[in-house]
Amino acid sequence: MTVRERIAGIQKELADGALTPDLARESLVRLTSLLGNVHDAQRKADHEYKLVLLGCMAGGEAANRARIRAEVSEQYQAASEMKDLANLVQEMIRSCKAYMRSLEEEQRLTR
C-alpha cells in the first residue's frame, strides 16, 4: 500500500462522519508518522523536477520559456502532487488536533 493510499484511507475514515476520540487519536498518530514519508517523496520529486528544469535552461532558451517547458513535464506533475499531498496531511493533522482540543474543552466544562 502506497503512502497516498494510506492517506486516502485515513481521509475516508475521517470524512465518514463517525469520528470517535479513539479514531481521531489513531489518525493523528498515523498522519504524523506518514508526514515524514510525504516530505521525503516531496524532496525527491522536487529534485527530479529541478533536473528537468536545469536541462531545459541548458538548451539556451529564455528562462521563462524553459520554465514553461519544464512545468509540463511528468516530474513537475509529481512534484506538484507531492506538495498538495503534504498540505493535505498538514490540514488533516490540524483538524484532528482541533477535534481533540474541543473534546478536552468539553470534558473540562462538564466537570
N, C-alpha and C. Protein backbone atom coordinates (compact mmCIF):
# COMPACT_ATOMS: atom_id res chain seq x y z
N MET A 1 0.85 -1.18 0.00
CA MET A 1 0.00 0.00 0.00
C MET A 1 0.90 1.24 0.00
N THR A 2 0.63 2.16 -0.92
CA THR A 2 1.45 3.36 -1.03
C THR A 2 1.06 4.38 0.05
N VAL A 3 1.90 5.37 0.20
CA VAL A 3 1.64 6.44 1.17
C VAL A 3 0.35 7.16 0.79
N ARG A 4 0.16 7.42 -0.50
CA ARG A 4 -1.06 8.09 -0.95
C ARG A 4 -2.31 7.29 -0.60
N GLU A 5 -2.23 5.98 -0.79
CA GLU A 5 -3.38 5.11 -0.48
C GLU A 5 -3.67 5.10 1.02
N ARG A 6 -2.61 5.08 1.82
CA ARG A 6 -2.81 5.12 3.28
C ARG A 6 -3.47 6.43 3.71
N ILE A 7 -2.99 7.53 3.14
CA ILE A 7 -3.56 8.83 3.49
C ILE A 7 -5.01 8.92 3.01
N ALA A 8 -5.28 8.41 1.82
CA ALA A 8 -6.66 8.41 1.30
C ALA A 8 -7.56 7.58 2.20
N GLY A 9 -7.05 6.47 2.72
CA GLY A 9 -7.84 5.64 3.64
C GLY A 9 -8.17 6.38 4.93
N ILE A 10 -7.19 7.07 5.48
CA ILE A 10 -7.42 7.86 6.70
C ILE A 10 -8.40 8.98 6.41
N GLN A 11 -8.24 9.63 5.27
CA GLN A 11 -9.15 10.72 4.89
C GLN A 11 -10.58 10.20 4.79
N LYS A 12 -10.76 9.03 4.22
CA LYS A 12 -12.09 8.45 4.09
C LYS A 12 -12.68 8.15 5.47
N GLU A 13 -11.86 7.59 6.36
CA GLU A 13 -12.33 7.30 7.72
C GLU A 13 -12.78 8.57 8.43
N LEU A 14 -12.00 9.63 8.28
CA LEU A 14 -12.34 10.89 8.95
C LEU A 14 -13.57 11.55 8.34
N ALA A 15 -13.75 11.36 7.05
CA ALA A 15 -14.86 12.01 6.36
C ALA A 15 -16.19 11.26 6.52
N ASP A 16 -16.14 10.03 6.97
CA ASP A 16 -17.36 9.24 7.11
C ASP A 16 -18.32 9.80 8.14
N GLY A 17 -17.83 10.64 9.03
CA GLY A 17 -18.72 11.31 9.97
C GLY A 17 -18.84 10.64 11.32
N ALA A 18 -18.36 9.42 11.46
CA ALA A 18 -18.45 8.70 12.74
C ALA A 18 -17.11 8.82 13.47
N LEU A 19 -16.66 10.04 13.65
CA LEU A 19 -15.36 10.27 14.28
C LEU A 19 -15.48 10.11 15.79
N THR A 20 -14.67 9.23 16.31
CA THR A 20 -14.61 8.99 17.76
C THR A 20 -13.28 9.53 18.27
N PRO A 21 -13.18 9.74 19.57
CA PRO A 21 -11.89 10.20 20.11
C PRO A 21 -10.76 9.21 19.81
N ASP A 22 -11.04 7.91 19.89
CA ASP A 22 -10.01 6.92 19.60
C ASP A 22 -9.57 6.98 18.15
N LEU A 23 -10.52 7.12 17.24
CA LEU A 23 -10.19 7.22 15.82
C LEU A 23 -9.39 8.49 15.53
N ALA A 24 -9.75 9.58 16.18
CA ALA A 24 -9.02 10.85 15.99
C ALA A 24 -7.59 10.71 16.48
N ARG A 25 -7.40 10.09 17.64
CA ARG A 25 -6.04 9.90 18.18
C ARG A 25 -5.22 8.99 17.27
N GLU A 26 -5.83 7.89 16.85
CA GLU A 26 -5.13 6.94 15.99
C GLU A 26 -4.78 7.60 14.65
N SER A 27 -5.70 8.35 14.09
CA SER A 27 -5.45 9.02 12.82
C SER A 27 -4.36 10.06 12.96
N LEU A 28 -4.36 10.78 14.05
CA LEU A 28 -3.33 11.78 14.30
C LEU A 28 -1.95 11.14 14.35
N VAL A 29 -1.83 10.04 15.04
CA VAL A 29 -0.55 9.35 15.13
C VAL A 29 -0.11 8.84 13.76
N ARG A 30 -1.04 8.23 13.02
CA ARG A 30 -0.71 7.70 11.70
C ARG A 30 -0.34 8.81 10.72
N LEU A 31 -1.09 9.90 10.73
CA LEU A 31 -0.80 11.01 9.82
C LEU A 31 0.54 11.66 10.14
N THR A 32 0.82 11.81 11.41
CA THR A 32 2.09 12.42 11.81
C THR A 32 3.26 11.56 11.35
N SER A 33 3.11 10.25 11.47
CA SER A 33 4.20 9.38 11.03
C SER A 33 4.32 9.36 9.51
N LEU A 34 3.21 9.46 8.81
CA LEU A 34 3.24 9.48 7.34
C LEU A 34 3.77 10.80 6.78
N LEU A 35 3.68 11.86 7.55
CA LEU A 35 4.14 13.17 7.07
C LEU A 35 5.62 13.14 6.70
N GLY A 36 6.42 12.43 7.47
CA GLY A 36 7.84 12.31 7.14
C GLY A 36 8.04 11.61 5.80
N ASN A 37 7.25 10.56 5.54
CA ASN A 37 7.34 9.86 4.27
C ASN A 37 6.94 10.78 3.12
N VAL A 38 5.91 11.58 3.34
CA VAL A 38 5.46 12.51 2.31
C VAL A 38 6.54 13.55 2.02
N HIS A 39 7.18 14.05 3.06
CA HIS A 39 8.25 15.03 2.86
C HIS A 39 9.42 14.43 2.11
N ASP A 40 9.76 13.17 2.39
CA ASP A 40 10.83 12.51 1.65
C ASP A 40 10.48 12.39 0.17
N ALA A 41 9.26 11.96 -0.12
CA ALA A 41 8.81 11.83 -1.51
C ALA A 41 8.75 13.20 -2.19
N GLN A 42 8.35 14.20 -1.43
CA GLN A 42 8.28 15.57 -1.98
C GLN A 42 9.67 16.07 -2.35
N ARG A 43 10.64 15.82 -1.49
CA ARG A 43 12.02 16.23 -1.78
C ARG A 43 12.55 15.55 -3.04
N LYS A 44 12.29 14.25 -3.16
CA LYS A 44 12.76 13.50 -4.33
C LYS A 44 12.10 14.02 -5.61
N ALA A 45 10.78 14.22 -5.57
CA ALA A 45 10.05 14.71 -6.75
C ALA A 45 10.52 16.11 -7.13
N ASP A 46 10.76 16.94 -6.14
CA ASP A 46 11.22 18.30 -6.41
C ASP A 46 12.61 18.28 -7.05
N HIS A 47 13.46 17.40 -6.57
CA HIS A 47 14.81 17.27 -7.14
C HIS A 47 14.73 16.83 -8.61
N GLU A 48 13.88 15.85 -8.89
CA GLU A 48 13.74 15.37 -10.26
C GLU A 48 13.21 16.48 -11.18
N TYR A 49 12.28 17.27 -10.68
CA TYR A 49 11.77 18.40 -11.46
C TYR A 49 12.86 19.42 -11.73
N LYS A 50 13.66 19.72 -10.71
CA LYS A 50 14.73 20.71 -10.87
C LYS A 50 15.76 20.23 -11.91
N LEU A 51 15.98 18.92 -11.99
CA LEU A 51 16.89 18.40 -13.02
C LEU A 51 16.32 18.64 -14.42
N VAL A 52 15.01 18.44 -14.56
CA VAL A 52 14.36 18.70 -15.84
C VAL A 52 14.44 20.19 -16.17
N LEU A 53 14.18 21.02 -15.20
CA LEU A 53 14.26 22.48 -15.40
C LEU A 53 15.68 22.89 -15.81
N LEU A 54 16.65 22.33 -15.14
CA LEU A 54 18.04 22.64 -15.47
C LEU A 54 18.36 22.22 -16.91
N GLY A 55 17.85 21.05 -17.30
CA GLY A 55 18.05 20.60 -18.68
C GLY A 55 17.41 21.53 -19.69
N CYS A 56 16.23 22.02 -19.37
CA CYS A 56 15.55 22.95 -20.27
C CYS A 56 16.29 24.27 -20.35
N MET A 57 16.81 24.73 -19.24
CA MET A 57 17.54 26.01 -19.24
C MET A 57 18.88 25.89 -19.94
N ALA A 58 19.46 24.70 -19.92
CA ALA A 58 20.75 24.49 -20.58
C ALA A 58 20.61 24.51 -22.10
N GLY A 59 19.39 24.42 -22.58
CA GLY A 59 19.14 24.43 -24.02
C GLY A 59 19.31 25.79 -24.67
N GLY A 60 19.56 26.81 -23.89
CA GLY A 60 19.79 28.13 -24.44
C GLY A 60 18.53 28.97 -24.61
N GLU A 61 17.41 28.45 -24.17
CA GLU A 61 16.16 29.22 -24.27
C GLU A 61 16.12 30.30 -23.19
N ALA A 62 15.20 31.21 -23.36
CA ALA A 62 14.96 32.20 -22.30
C ALA A 62 14.44 31.45 -21.06
N ALA A 63 14.74 31.99 -19.90
CA ALA A 63 14.39 31.31 -18.65
C ALA A 63 12.90 31.07 -18.52
N ASN A 64 12.08 32.04 -18.92
CA ASN A 64 10.63 31.86 -18.78
C ASN A 64 10.11 30.75 -19.70
N ARG A 65 10.66 30.64 -20.89
CA ARG A 65 10.25 29.56 -21.80
C ARG A 65 10.72 28.20 -21.29
N ALA A 66 11.92 28.17 -20.74
CA ALA A 66 12.45 26.92 -20.19
C ALA A 66 11.60 26.46 -19.02
N ARG A 67 11.17 27.41 -18.18
CA ARG A 67 10.34 27.07 -17.02
C ARG A 67 8.98 26.52 -17.49
N ILE A 68 8.40 27.14 -18.49
CA ILE A 68 7.12 26.66 -19.02
C ILE A 68 7.29 25.24 -19.58
N ARG A 69 8.36 25.00 -20.31
CA ARG A 69 8.61 23.68 -20.87
C ARG A 69 8.77 22.64 -19.75
N ALA A 70 9.48 23.02 -18.69
CA ALA A 70 9.70 22.10 -17.56
C ALA A 70 8.41 21.85 -16.79
N GLU A 71 7.53 22.84 -16.74
CA GLU A 71 6.30 22.70 -15.96
C GLU A 71 5.25 21.82 -16.63
N VAL A 72 5.48 21.41 -17.86
CA VAL A 72 4.55 20.47 -18.49
C VAL A 72 5.09 19.04 -18.43
N SER A 73 6.17 18.85 -17.69
CA SER A 73 6.78 17.52 -17.59
C SER A 73 6.09 16.69 -16.50
N GLU A 74 6.30 15.38 -16.58
CA GLU A 74 5.78 14.47 -15.56
C GLU A 74 6.42 14.74 -14.20
N GLN A 75 7.66 15.17 -14.21
CA GLN A 75 8.36 15.44 -12.96
C GLN A 75 7.74 16.63 -12.22
N TYR A 76 7.33 17.65 -12.98
CA TYR A 76 6.65 18.78 -12.35
C TYR A 76 5.31 18.34 -11.77
N GLN A 77 4.59 17.51 -12.53
CA GLN A 77 3.30 16.98 -12.07
C GLN A 77 3.49 16.22 -10.75
N ALA A 78 4.51 15.37 -10.68
CA ALA A 78 4.77 14.59 -9.47
C ALA A 78 5.14 15.50 -8.30
N ALA A 79 5.96 16.52 -8.56
CA ALA A 79 6.35 17.45 -7.50
C ALA A 79 5.14 18.23 -6.99
N SER A 80 4.29 18.64 -7.91
CA SER A 80 3.08 19.37 -7.53
C SER A 80 2.14 18.49 -6.71
N GLU A 81 1.97 17.24 -7.11
CA GLU A 81 1.11 16.32 -6.37
C GLU A 81 1.65 16.08 -4.96
N MET A 82 2.96 15.94 -4.83
CA MET A 82 3.56 15.73 -3.51
C MET A 82 3.37 16.95 -2.62
N LYS A 83 3.48 18.13 -3.20
CA LYS A 83 3.26 19.36 -2.43
C LYS A 83 1.82 19.41 -1.94
N ASP A 84 0.88 19.09 -2.82
CA ASP A 84 -0.54 19.08 -2.44
C ASP A 84 -0.82 18.03 -1.37
N LEU A 85 -0.18 16.86 -1.50
CA LEU A 85 -0.37 15.80 -0.53
C LEU A 85 0.16 16.21 0.85
N ALA A 86 1.31 16.87 0.86
CA ALA A 86 1.88 17.35 2.13
C ALA A 86 0.94 18.37 2.78
N ASN A 87 0.37 19.26 1.98
CA ASN A 87 -0.59 20.24 2.51
C ASN A 87 -1.84 19.55 3.05
N LEU A 88 -2.32 18.53 2.34
CA LEU A 88 -3.49 17.78 2.79
C LEU A 88 -3.22 17.13 4.14
N VAL A 89 -2.06 16.48 4.27
CA VAL A 89 -1.72 15.81 5.53
C VAL A 89 -1.63 16.83 6.66
N GLN A 90 -1.02 17.97 6.39
CA GLN A 90 -0.92 19.02 7.42
C GLN A 90 -2.30 19.47 7.88
N GLU A 91 -3.20 19.67 6.94
CA GLU A 91 -4.56 20.10 7.30
C GLU A 91 -5.32 19.01 8.06
N MET A 92 -5.12 17.76 7.68
CA MET A 92 -5.77 16.67 8.40
C MET A 92 -5.24 16.58 9.83
N ILE A 93 -3.93 16.79 9.99
CA ILE A 93 -3.34 16.80 11.33
C ILE A 93 -3.94 17.94 12.16
N ARG A 94 -4.04 19.11 11.56
CA ARG A 94 -4.64 20.26 12.27
C ARG A 94 -6.08 19.97 12.67
N SER A 95 -6.83 19.33 11.78
CA SER A 95 -8.22 19.01 12.07
C SER A 95 -8.33 18.03 13.23
N CYS A 96 -7.49 17.01 13.23
CA CYS A 96 -7.51 16.04 14.33
C CYS A 96 -7.15 16.71 15.65
N LYS A 97 -6.15 17.59 15.62
CA LYS A 97 -5.75 18.29 16.84
C LYS A 97 -6.87 19.20 17.34
N ALA A 98 -7.53 19.90 16.42
CA ALA A 98 -8.63 20.78 16.81
C ALA A 98 -9.77 19.97 17.41
N TYR A 99 -10.06 18.82 16.83
CA TYR A 99 -11.11 17.95 17.36
C TYR A 99 -10.75 17.48 18.77
N MET A 100 -9.49 17.09 18.96
CA MET A 100 -9.05 16.62 20.27
C MET A 100 -9.13 17.75 21.31
N ARG A 101 -8.74 18.96 20.89
CA ARG A 101 -8.83 20.10 21.82
C ARG A 101 -10.28 20.40 22.20
N SER A 102 -11.18 20.31 21.23
CA SER A 102 -12.58 20.58 21.54
C SER A 102 -13.15 19.53 22.48
N LEU A 103 -12.73 18.29 22.32
CA LEU A 103 -13.17 17.24 23.25
C LEU A 103 -12.65 17.50 24.66
N GLU A 104 -11.38 17.89 24.75
CA GLU A 104 -10.80 18.18 26.06
C GLU A 104 -11.51 19.35 26.73
N GLU A 105 -11.83 20.38 25.95
CA GLU A 105 -12.53 21.54 26.48
C GLU A 105 -13.94 21.15 26.94
N GLU A 106 -14.60 20.33 26.15
CA GLU A 106 -15.94 19.86 26.50
C GLU A 106 -15.90 19.05 27.80
N GLN A 107 -14.91 18.19 27.95
CA GLN A 107 -14.78 17.41 29.18
C GLN A 107 -14.47 18.31 30.37
N ARG A 108 -13.66 19.31 30.13
CA ARG A 108 -13.30 20.23 31.21
C ARG A 108 -14.53 21.00 31.70
N LEU A 109 -15.38 21.39 30.76
CA LEU A 109 -16.57 22.17 31.13
C LEU A 109 -17.64 21.32 31.81
N THR A 110 -17.66 20.04 31.56
CA THR A 110 -18.68 19.18 32.16
C THR A 110 -18.31 18.75 33.59
N ARG A 111 -17.11 19.06 34.03
CA ARG A 111 -16.70 18.66 35.40
C ARG A 111 -17.25 19.57 36.44
